[in-house]
Amino acid sequence: MLYIIGLGLGDEKDITLRGLEAVKKCQKVYVEAYTSLLSFGLSSDGLSTLEKLYGKPVTLADRETVEEKIDDVLLEAREADVAFLVVGDPFGATTHTDLVVRAKKLEVDVKVIHNASVMNAIGVCGLQLYRYGETVSIPFFTETWRPDSFYEKIQRNRKLGLHTLCLLDIRVKEPSLESLCRGKKQYEPPRYMTIKTAIEQLLEVEQIRGESAYNEDTSCVGLARLGSEDQMVVAGSMKQLLLVDFGSPLHCLVIVGETHPVEEEMLGFYTLGEK
């Protein structure tokens, strides 16, 4: 059996009881480490924190393992119980849907154990979950690559009066272009997009497109370390949030659509200049 187990958003204690019971009976435990981030990280110290709780070794599954060598993990699951741990919920990233499909093709039994993810925890800001439109991802711009496909989706959501959850880029174990050209992979340091960078890029795209999907006065909510003890939630205009230091990752951003009075009351608790 392959168990795909959500770890939640905070620390090692956010795993569910059902998830913990499954981990403890598995012969092999992997933790995926590139689509999200636990509060304590997944360095050697972070892994030892998990190993102490689970009472067994934990193997880090980096991007290469998940994208290129996952069949080895799946073949292990044909012979034994294997746990594949995912920060947040197992289906918070398309990578893990692909994992289930590949497991099924190899006739590996799969059991999924759910947990909290950004997709539901975002409700903490007071904007009602059923009033969100399509979620978008904001990638890091480079000198030669500045994709803006998220713009039409935000524009469509706002025309419908819906809120937009913007997931911000995470780049972990990314090979540098120079090293790929040389034929020997060398990896860039991990990068996690900040709310400031996301807003700067959003405004740059608006300036180029000029279709008034949003502007610097558009109401937004910035959230950092969602689900952790030190989570941060601040509401304000784009230009106001540019000046806020949200601290360490992970960050996400909500572009606010039309609001209900109850949403406005809750949002007021987080709005700059209000109490």
C-alpha atoms as a PDB file:
ATOM      1  CA  MET A   1       0.000   0.000   0.000  1.00  0.00           C
ATOM      2  CA  LEU A   2       1.103   3.549  -0.769  1.00  0.00           C
ATOM      3  CA  TYR A   3      -0.151   5.985   1.845  1.00  0.00           C
ATOM      4  CA  ILE A   4      -0.207   9.608   0.696  1.00  0.00           C
ATOM      5  CA  ILE A   5      -0.509  11.591   3.910  1.00  0.00           C
ATOM      6  CA  GLY A   6      -1.102  15.298   4.421  1.00  0.00           C
ATOM      7  CA  LEU A   7       1.006  16.949   7.125  1.00  0.00           C
ATOM      8  CA  GLY A   8      -1.007  20.170   7.451  1.00  0.00           C
ATOM      9  CA  LEU A   9       0.456  23.657   7.392  1.00  0.00           C
ATOM     10  CA  GLY A  10       2.204  24.275  10.703  1.00  0.00           C
ATOM     11  CA  ASP A  11       4.655  21.971  12.425  1.00  0.00           C
ATOM     12  CA  GLU A  12       5.134  18.227  12.905  1.00  0.00           C
ATOM     13  CA  LYS A  13       2.177  18.057  15.323  1.00  0.00           C
ATOM     14  CA  ASP A  14      -0.350  18.970  12.633  1.00  0.00           C
ATOM     15  CA  ILE A  15      -0.462  15.446  11.221  1.00  0.00           C
ATOM     16  CA  THR A  16      -3.811  13.768  11.946  1.00  0.00           C
ATOM     17  CA  LEU A  17      -4.090  10.801  14.297  1.00  0.00           C
ATOM     18  CA  ARG A  18      -5.047   8.604  11.345  1.00  0.00           C
ATOM     19  CA  GLY A  19      -2.026   9.858   9.434  1.00  0.00           C
ATOM     20  CA  LEU A  20       0.310   9.219  12.356  1.00  0.00           C
ATOM     21  CA  GLU A  21      -1.025   5.680  12.801  1.00  0.00           C
ATOM     22  CA  ALA A  22      -0.400   4.985   9.105  1.00  0.00           C
ATOM     23  CA  VAL A  23       3.158   6.346   9.253  1.00  0.00           C
ATOM     24  CA  LYS A  24       3.997   4.195  12.247  1.00  0.00           C
ATOM     25  CA  LYS A  25       2.983   0.990  10.481  1.00  0.00           C
ATOM     26  CA  CYS A  26       4.844   1.763   7.234  1.00  0.00           C
ATOM     27  CA  GLN A  27       8.191   0.152   6.446  1.00  0.00           C
ATOM     28  CA  LYS A  28       9.441   3.182   4.488  1.00  0.00           C
ATOM     29  CA  VAL A  29       8.638   6.873   4.934  1.00  0.00           C
ATOM     30  CA  TYR A  30       9.306   9.636   2.406  1.00  0.00           C
ATOM     31  CA  VAL A  31       8.575  13.349   2.804  1.00  0.00           C
ATOM     32  CA  GLU A  32       8.132  15.513  -0.282  1.00  0.00           C
ATOM     33  CA  ALA A  33      10.091  18.727   0.019  1.00  0.00           C
ATOM     34  CA  TYR A  34       9.599  21.074  -2.893  1.00  0.00           C
ATOM     35  CA  THR A  35       5.936  22.054  -3.399  1.00  0.00           C
ATOM     36  CA  SER A  36       5.590  23.616   0.066  1.00  0.00           C
ATOM     37  CA  LEU A  37       7.395  24.209   3.347  1.00  0.00           C
ATOM     38  CA  LEU A  38       6.932  23.221   6.975  1.00  0.00           C
ATOM     39  CA  SER A  39       7.539  25.877   9.617  1.00  0.00           C
ATOM     40  CA  PHE A  40      10.707  24.178  10.842  1.00  0.00           C
ATOM     41  CA  GLY A  41      12.003  23.397   7.365  1.00  0.00           C
ATOM     42  CA  LEU A  42      13.298  20.065   6.109  1.00  0.00           C
ATOM     43  CA  SER A  43      16.991  20.339   6.841  1.00  0.00           C
ATOM     44  CA  SER A  44      18.666  17.560   8.840  1.00  0.00           C
ATOM     45  CA  ASP A  45      17.252  19.118  12.018  1.00  0.00           C
ATOM     46  CA  GLY A  46      13.769  19.198  10.528  1.00  0.00           C
ATOM     47  CA  LEU A  47      13.969  15.583   9.462  1.00  0.00           C
ATOM     48  CA  SER A  48      15.153  14.534  12.908  1.00  0.00           C
ATOM     49  CA  THR A  49      12.085  16.268  14.364  1.00  0.00           C
ATOM     50  CA  LEU A  50       9.859  14.093  12.204  1.00  0.00           C
ATOM     51  CA  GLU A  51      11.906  10.968  12.899  1.00  0.00           C
ATOM     52  CA  LYS A  52      11.628  11.502  16.634  1.00  0.00           C
ATOM     53  CA  LEU A  53       7.833  11.744  16.394  1.00  0.00           C
ATOM     54  CA  TYR A  54       7.453   8.784  14.030  1.00  0.00           C
ATOM     55  CA  GLY A  55      10.064   6.552  15.635  1.00  0.00           C
ATOM     56  CA  LYS A  56      11.687   5.649  12.301  1.00  0.00           C
ATOM     57  CA  PRO A  57      13.909   7.086   9.552  1.00  0.00           C
ATOM     58  CA  VAL A  58      12.438   9.573   7.072  1.00  0.00           C
ATOM     59  CA  THR A  59      13.821   9.961   3.555  1.00  0.00           C
ATOM     60  CA  LEU A  60      13.699  13.346   1.861  1.00  0.00           C
ATOM     61  CA  ALA A  61      12.045  13.178  -1.580  1.00  0.00           C
ATOM     62  CA  ASP A  62      13.369  16.167  -3.479  1.00  0.00           C
ATOM     63  CA  ARG A  63      12.185  17.420  -6.863  1.00  0.00           C
ATOM     64  CA  GLU A  64      14.336  14.983  -8.831  1.00  0.00           C
ATOM     65  CA  THR A  65      13.050  12.035  -6.807  1.00  0.00           C
ATOM     66  CA  VAL A  66       9.408  13.016  -7.294  1.00  0.00           C
ATOM     67  CA  GLU A  67       9.677  13.873 -10.988  1.00  0.00           C
ATOM     68  CA  GLU A  68      12.240  11.349 -12.230  1.00  0.00           C
ATOM     69  CA  LYS A  69      12.587   8.476  -9.764  1.00  0.00           C
ATOM     70  CA  ILE A  70       9.124   8.101  -8.257  1.00  0.00           C
ATOM     71  CA  ASP A  71       8.574   4.727  -9.941  1.00  0.00           C
ATOM     72  CA  ASP A  72      11.220   3.297  -7.590  1.00  0.00           C
ATOM     73  CA  VAL A  73       9.113   4.426  -4.624  1.00  0.00           C
ATOM     74  CA  LEU A  74       5.983   2.972  -6.209  1.00  0.00           C
ATOM     75  CA  LEU A  75       7.648  -0.377  -6.805  1.00  0.00           C
ATOM     76  CA  GLU A  76       8.595  -0.470  -3.110  1.00  0.00           C
ATOM     77  CA  ALA A  77       4.916   0.071  -2.311  1.00  0.00           C
ATOM     78  CA  ARG A  78       4.033  -3.105  -4.238  1.00  0.00           C
ATOM     79  CA  GLU A  79       5.955  -5.134  -1.691  1.00  0.00           C
ATOM     80  CA  ALA A  80       5.504  -3.150   1.536  1.00  0.00           C
ATOM     81  CA  ASP A  81       3.602  -0.278   3.156  1.00  0.00           C
ATOM     82  CA  VAL A  82       5.169   3.028   2.093  1.00  0.00           C
ATOM     83  CA  ALA A  83       4.238   6.494   3.383  1.00  0.00           C
ATOM     84  CA  PHE A  84       4.616   9.534   1.153  1.00  0.00           C
ATOM     85  CA  LEU A  85       4.208  12.677   3.258  1.00  0.00           C
ATOM     86  CA  VAL A  86       3.014  15.945   1.738  1.00  0.00           C
ATOM     87  CA  VAL A  87       2.957  19.372   3.384  1.00  0.00           C
ATOM     88  CA  GLY A  88      -0.644  20.610   3.447  1.00  0.00           C
ATOM     89  CA  ASP A  89      -3.111  18.265   1.749  1.00  0.00           C
ATOM     90  CA  PRO A  90      -2.123  15.490  -0.684  1.00  0.00           C
ATOM     91  CA  PHE A  91      -4.034  17.103  -3.543  1.00  0.00           C
ATOM     92  CA  GLY A  92      -2.851  20.659  -2.941  1.00  0.00           C
ATOM     93  CA  ALA A  93      -0.414  20.231  -5.856  1.00  0.00           C
ATOM     94  CA  THR A  94      -0.963  18.562  -9.239  1.00  0.00           C
ATOM     95  CA  THR A  95       2.267  16.601  -8.704  1.00  0.00           C
ATOM     96  CA  HIS A  96       0.487  14.362  -6.237  1.00  0.00           C
ATOM     97  CA  THR A  97      -2.482  13.707  -8.508  1.00  0.00           C
ATOM     98  CA  ASP A  98       0.048  12.439 -11.045  1.00  0.00           C
ATOM     99  CA  LEU A  99       1.522  10.224  -8.326  1.00  0.00           C
ATOM    100  CA  VAL A 100      -1.854   8.517  -7.790  1.00  0.00           C
ATOM    101  CA  VAL A 101      -2.312   7.997 -11.538  1.00  0.00           C
ATOM    102  CA  ARG A 102       1.130   6.402 -11.859  1.00  0.00           C
ATOM    103  CA  ALA A 103       0.505   4.194  -8.835  1.00  0.00           C
ATOM    104  CA  LYS A 104      -2.783   2.956 -10.291  1.00  0.00           C
ATOM    105  CA  LYS A 105      -1.061   2.111 -13.587  1.00  0.00           C
ATOM    106  CA  LEU A 106       1.481   0.024 -11.676  1.00  0.00           C
ATOM    107  CA  GLU A 107      -1.396  -1.656  -9.771  1.00  0.00           C
ATOM    108  CA  VAL A 108      -0.239  -0.181  -6.461  1.00  0.00           C
ATOM    109  CA  ASP A 109      -2.997   0.273  -3.888  1.00  0.00           C
ATOM    110  CA  VAL A 110      -3.267   3.872  -2.675  1.00  0.00           C
ATOM    111  CA  LYS A 111      -4.805   5.298   0.483  1.00  0.00           C
ATOM    112  CA  VAL A 112      -5.039   9.080   0.905  1.00  0.00           C
ATOM    113  CA  ILE A 113      -5.215  10.754   4.324  1.00  0.00           C
ATOM    114  CA  HIS A 114      -6.231  14.393   4.090  1.00  0.00           C
ATOM    115  CA  ASN A 115      -5.227  17.467   6.085  1.00  0.00           C
ATOM    116  CA  ALA A 116      -5.529  21.258   6.003  1.00  0.00           C
ATOM    117  CA  SER A 117      -4.152  23.136   3.012  1.00  0.00           C
ATOM    118  CA  VAL A 118      -3.862  26.751   1.888  1.00  0.00           C
ATOM    119  CA  MET A 119      -7.023  26.180  -0.158  1.00  0.00           C
ATOM    120  CA  ASN A 120      -9.209  26.004   2.944  1.00  0.00           C
ATOM    121  CA  ALA A 121      -7.059  27.706   5.600  1.00  0.00           C
ATOM    122  CA  ILE A 122      -7.208  30.897   3.530  1.00  0.00           C
ATOM    123  CA  GLY A 123     -10.672  31.345   5.060  1.00  0.00           C
ATOM    124  CA  VAL A 124      -8.986  32.729   8.198  1.00  0.00           C
ATOM    125  CA  CYS A 125      -8.980  36.211   6.636  1.00  0.00           C
ATOM    126  CA  GLY A 126     -12.778  36.258   6.656  1.00  0.00           C
ATOM    127  CA  LEU A 127     -13.428  36.042   2.916  1.00  0.00           C
ATOM    128  CA  GLN A 128     -15.874  33.203   2.372  1.00  0.00           C
ATOM    129  CA  LEU A 129     -14.468  30.196   0.531  1.00  0.00           C
ATOM    130  CA  TYR A 130     -17.361  29.855  -1.905  1.00  0.00           C
ATOM    131  CA  ARG A 131     -16.752  33.443  -3.066  1.00  0.00           C
ATOM    132  CA  TYR A 132     -13.351  32.593  -4.583  1.00  0.00           C
ATOM    133  CA  GLY A 133     -12.816  32.198  -8.305  1.00  0.00           C
ATOM    134  CA  GLU A 134      -9.995  30.358 -10.057  1.00  0.00           C
ATOM    135  CA  THR A 135      -6.743  30.180  -8.113  1.00  0.00           C
ATOM    136  CA  VAL A 136      -3.647  31.515  -9.902  1.00  0.00           C
ATOM    137  CA  SER A 137       0.086  30.971  -9.538  1.00  0.00           C
ATOM    138  CA  ILE A 138       2.527  33.883  -9.785  1.00  0.00           C
ATOM    139  CA  PRO A 139       5.944  32.712 -11.066  1.00  0.00           C
ATOM    140  CA  PHE A 140       9.226  34.542 -10.562  1.00  0.00           C
ATOM    141  CA  PHE A 141       9.990  36.778 -13.547  1.00  0.00           C
ATOM    142  CA  THR A 142      13.396  36.591 -15.183  1.00  0.00           C
ATOM    143  CA  GLU A 143      15.052  38.956 -17.663  1.00  0.00           C
ATOM    144  CA  THR A 144      13.841  36.818 -20.558  1.00  0.00           C
ATOM    145  CA  TRP A 145      10.692  35.152 -19.159  1.00  0.00           C
ATOM    146  CA  ARG A 146       7.793  37.231 -17.866  1.00  0.00           C
ATOM    147  CA  PRO A 147       4.638  35.126 -18.230  1.00  0.00           C
ATOM    148  CA  ASP A 148       1.317  36.825 -17.569  1.00  0.00           C
ATOM    149  CA  SER A 149      -1.305  34.117 -18.149  1.00  0.00           C
ATOM    150  CA  PHE A 150      -2.583  34.734 -14.611  1.00  0.00           C
ATOM    151  CA  TYR A 151      -3.813  38.177 -15.702  1.00  0.00           C
ATOM    152  CA  GLU A 152      -6.856  36.936 -17.653  1.00  0.00           C
ATOM    153  CA  LYS A 153      -7.887  34.677 -14.766  1.00  0.00           C
ATOM    154  CA  ILE A 154      -7.730  37.519 -12.233  1.00  0.00           C
ATOM    155  CA  GLN A 155      -9.623  39.766 -14.671  1.00  0.00           C
ATOM    156  CA  ARG A 156     -12.317  37.101 -15.122  1.00  0.00           C
ATOM    157  CA  ASN A 157     -12.682  36.582 -11.373  1.00  0.00           C
ATOM    158  CA  ARG A 158     -13.005  40.299 -10.725  1.00  0.00           C
ATOM    159  CA  LYS A 159     -15.654  40.733 -13.437  1.00  0.00           C
ATOM    160  CA  LEU A 160     -17.669  38.094 -11.559  1.00  0.00           C
ATOM    161  CA  GLY A 161     -17.027  39.817  -8.225  1.00  0.00           C
ATOM    162  CA  LEU A 162     -14.980  36.851  -6.955  1.00  0.00           C
ATOM    163  CA  HIS A 163     -11.844  36.809  -4.806  1.00  0.00           C
ATOM    164  CA  THR A 164      -8.589  35.471  -6.284  1.00  0.00           C
ATOM    165  CA  LEU A 165      -6.100  33.384  -4.315  1.00  0.00           C
ATOM    166  CA  CYS A 166      -2.586  33.936  -5.680  1.00  0.00           C
ATOM    167  CA  LEU A 167      -0.102  31.184  -4.851  1.00  0.00           C
ATOM    168  CA  LEU A 168       3.436  32.523  -4.957  1.00  0.00           C
ATOM    169  CA  ASP A 169       6.379  30.791  -6.579  1.00  0.00           C
ATOM    170  CA  ILE A 170       8.622  28.345  -4.715  1.00  0.00           C
ATOM    171  CA  ARG A 171      11.920  27.412  -6.334  1.00  0.00           C
ATOM    172  CA  VAL A 172      13.712  24.607  -4.547  1.00  0.00           C
ATOM    173  CA  LYS A 173      16.542  22.575  -6.095  1.00  0.00           C
ATOM    174  CA  GLU A 174      16.232  24.347  -9.422  1.00  0.00           C
ATOM    175  CA  PRO A 175      19.206  23.746 -11.750  1.00  0.00           C
ATOM    176  CA  SER A 176      20.806  26.935 -13.006  1.00  0.00           C
ATOM    177  CA  LEU A 177      20.565  27.616 -16.747  1.00  0.00           C
ATOM    178  CA  GLU A 178      24.342  27.973 -16.953  1.00  0.00           C
ATOM    179  CA  SER A 179      24.918  24.549 -15.412  1.00  0.00           C
ATOM    180  CA  LEU A 180      22.392  22.914 -17.761  1.00  0.00           C
ATOM    181  CA  CYS A 181      24.223  24.427 -20.727  1.00  0.00           C
ATOM    182  CA  ARG A 182      27.431  22.872 -19.402  1.00  0.00           C
ATOM    183  CA  GLY A 183      25.745  19.490 -18.995  1.00  0.00           C
ATOM    184  CA  LYS A 184      26.337  19.275 -15.242  1.00  0.00           C
ATOM    185  CA  LYS A 185      23.554  20.227 -12.872  1.00  0.00           C
ATOM    186  CA  GLN A 186      24.278  22.814 -10.228  1.00  0.00           C
ATOM    187  CA  TYR A 187      21.415  24.091  -8.142  1.00  0.00           C
ATOM    188  CA  GLU A 188      20.360  27.612  -7.297  1.00  0.00           C
ATOM    189  CA  PRO A 189      19.714  28.515  -3.641  1.00  0.00           C
ATOM    190  CA  PRO A 190      16.061  28.050  -2.567  1.00  0.00           C
ATOM    191  CA  ARG A 191      13.832  31.047  -3.298  1.00  0.00           C
ATOM    192  CA  TYR A 192      10.373  31.799  -1.950  1.00  0.00           C
ATOM    193  CA  MET A 193       8.396  34.658  -3.496  1.00  0.00           C
ATOM    194  CA  THR A 194       7.346  37.434  -1.141  1.00  0.00           C
ATOM    195  CA  ILE A 195       4.096  39.368  -1.234  1.00  0.00           C
ATOM    196  CA  LYS A 196       6.098  42.483  -2.193  1.00  0.00           C
ATOM    197  CA  THR A 197       7.594  40.772  -5.258  1.00  0.00           C
ATOM    198  CA  ALA A 198       4.206  39.365  -6.256  1.00  0.00           C
ATOM    199  CA  ILE A 199       2.521  42.782  -6.115  1.00  0.00           C
ATOM    200  CA  GLU A 200       5.382  44.435  -8.021  1.00  0.00           C
ATOM    201  CA  GLN A 201       5.017  41.843 -10.776  1.00  0.00           C
ATOM    202  CA  LEU A 202       1.235  42.128 -10.822  1.00  0.00           C
ATOM    203  CA  LEU A 203       1.442  45.912 -11.203  1.00  0.00           C
ATOM    204  CA  GLU A 204       4.067  45.570 -13.930  1.00  0.00           C
ATOM    205  CA  VAL A 205       1.744  43.315 -15.921  1.00  0.00           C
ATOM    206  CA  GLU A 206      -1.198  45.694 -15.407  1.00  0.00           C
ATOM    207  CA  GLN A 207       0.929  48.589 -16.670  1.00  0.00           C
ATOM    208  CA  ILE A 208       1.774  46.626 -19.814  1.00  0.00           C
ATOM    209  CA  ARG A 209      -1.712  45.218 -20.424  1.00  0.00           C
ATOM    210  CA  GLY A 210      -3.615  48.334 -19.357  1.00  0.00           C
ATOM    211  CA  GLU A 211      -6.991  46.562 -19.152  1.00  0.00           C
ATOM    212  CA  SER A 212      -7.782  47.710 -15.575  1.00  0.00           C
ATOM    213  CA  ALA A 213      -8.076  44.250 -14.038  1.00  0.00           C
ATOM    214  CA  TYR A 214      -6.693  45.816 -10.848  1.00  0.00           C
ATOM    215  CA  ASN A 215      -4.490  48.723  -9.757  1.00  0.00           C
ATOM    216  CA  GLU A 216      -2.386  49.885  -6.815  1.00  0.00           C
ATOM    217  CA  ASP A 217      -5.550  50.838  -4.903  1.00  0.00           C
ATOM    218  CA  THR A 218      -7.136  47.379  -5.272  1.00  0.00           C
ATOM    219  CA  SER A 219      -7.924  45.747  -1.923  1.00  0.00           C
ATOM    220  CA  CYS A 220      -5.844  42.677  -1.109  1.00  0.00           C
ATOM    221  CA  VAL A 221      -4.968  40.428   1.809  1.00  0.00           C
ATOM    222  CA  GLY A 222      -1.393  39.291   2.401  1.00  0.00           C
ATOM    223  CA  LEU A 223      -0.867  36.115   4.423  1.00  0.00           C
ATOM    224  CA  ALA A 224       2.395  34.642   5.686  1.00  0.00           C
ATOM    225  CA  ARG A 225       3.119  31.265   7.341  1.00  0.00           C
ATOM    226  CA  LEU A 226      -0.538  30.296   7.180  1.00  0.00           C
ATOM    227  CA  GLY A 227      -1.455  27.746   9.835  1.00  0.00           C
ATOM    228  CA  SER A 228       1.619  28.416  11.981  1.00  0.00           C
ATOM    229  CA  GLU A 229       1.704  29.956  15.450  1.00  0.00           C
ATOM    230  CA  ASP A 230       3.209  33.149  14.029  1.00  0.00           C
ATOM    231  CA  GLN A 231       0.972  33.450  10.985  1.00  0.00           C
ATOM    232  CA  MET A 232       0.467  36.994   9.720  1.00  0.00           C
ATOM    233  CA  VAL A 233      -2.635  38.375   8.016  1.00  0.00           C
ATOM    234  CA  VAL A 234      -2.768  41.987   6.775  1.00  0.00           C
ATOM    235  CA  ALA A 235      -5.425  43.597   4.570  1.00  0.00           C
ATOM    236  CA  GLY A 236      -4.965  46.801   2.593  1.00  0.00           C
ATOM    237  CA  SER A 237      -4.432  48.178  -0.883  1.00  0.00           C
ATOM    238  CA  MET A 238      -1.662  46.828  -3.079  1.00  0.00           C
ATOM    239  CA  LYS A 239       0.426  49.959  -2.502  1.00  0.00           C
ATOM    240  CA  GLN A 240      -0.048  49.641   1.286  1.00  0.00           C
ATOM    241  CA  LEU A 241       0.966  45.975   1.343  1.00  0.00           C
ATOM    242  CA  LEU A 242       4.143  46.809  -0.608  1.00  0.00           C
ATOM    243  CA  LEU A 243       5.384  48.527   2.568  1.00  0.00           C
ATOM    244  CA  VAL A 244       4.610  45.648   4.964  1.00  0.00           C
ATOM    245  CA  ASP A 245       7.365  43.271   6.074  1.00  0.00           C
ATOM    246  CA  PHE A 246       5.675  39.872   6.141  1.00  0.00           C
ATOM    247  CA  GLY A 247       8.809  38.079   7.338  1.00  0.00           C
ATOM    248  CA  SER A 248       9.829  34.549   6.486  1.00  0.00           C
ATOM    249  CA  PRO A 249       8.006  32.303   3.948  1.00  0.00           C
ATOM    250  CA  LEU A 250       5.611  30.994   2.836  1.00  0.00           C
ATOM    251  CA  HIS A 251       3.547  33.935   1.566  1.00  0.00           C
ATOM    252  CA  CYS A 252       0.309  34.088  -0.417  1.00  0.00           C
ATOM    253  CA  LEU A 253      -1.928  36.908  -1.609  1.00  0.00           C
ATOM    254  CA  VAL A 254      -5.666  37.348  -2.061  1.00  0.00           C
ATOM    255  CA  ILE A 255      -7.055  39.941  -4.464  1.00  0.00           C
ATOM    256  CA  VAL A 256     -10.410  40.908  -2.985  1.00  0.00           C
ATOM    257  CA  GLY A 257     -13.576  40.879  -5.113  1.00  0.00           C
ATOM    258  CA  GLU A 258     -17.019  42.076  -4.079  1.00  0.00           C
ATOM    259  CA  THR A 259     -17.610  41.658  -0.339  1.00  0.00           C
ATOM    260  CA  HIS A 260     -20.568  40.765   1.867  1.00  0.00           C
ATOM    261  CA  PRO A 261     -21.063  42.831   5.070  1.00  0.00           C
ATOM    262  CA  VAL A 262     -19.991  39.838   7.195  1.00  0.00           C
ATOM    263  CA  GLU A 263     -16.804  39.503   5.122  1.00  0.00           C
ATOM    264  CA  GLU A 264     -16.129  43.216   5.521  1.00  0.00           C
ATOM    265  CA  GLU A 265     -16.532  43.014   9.293  1.00  0.00           C
ATOM    266  CA  MET A 266     -14.083  40.139   9.577  1.00  0.00           C
ATOM    267  CA  LEU A 267     -11.652  41.727   7.112  1.00  0.00           C
ATOM    268  CA  GLY A 268     -11.701  44.881   9.230  1.00  0.00           C
ATOM    269  CA  PHE A 269      -9.796  43.089  11.980  1.00  0.00           C
ATOM    270  CA  TYR A 270      -6.824  42.748   9.621  1.00  0.00           C
ATOM    271  CA  THR A 271      -7.058  46.038   7.716  1.00  0.00           C
ATOM    272  CA  LEU A 272      -4.244  48.557   8.055  1.00  0.00           C
ATOM    273  CA  GLY A 273      -5.383  51.602  10.019  1.00  0.00           C
ATOM    274  CA  GLU A 274      -8.427  49.856  11.472  1.00  0.00           C
ATOM    275  CA  LYS A 275      -9.044  47.971  14.705  1.00  0.00           C
END
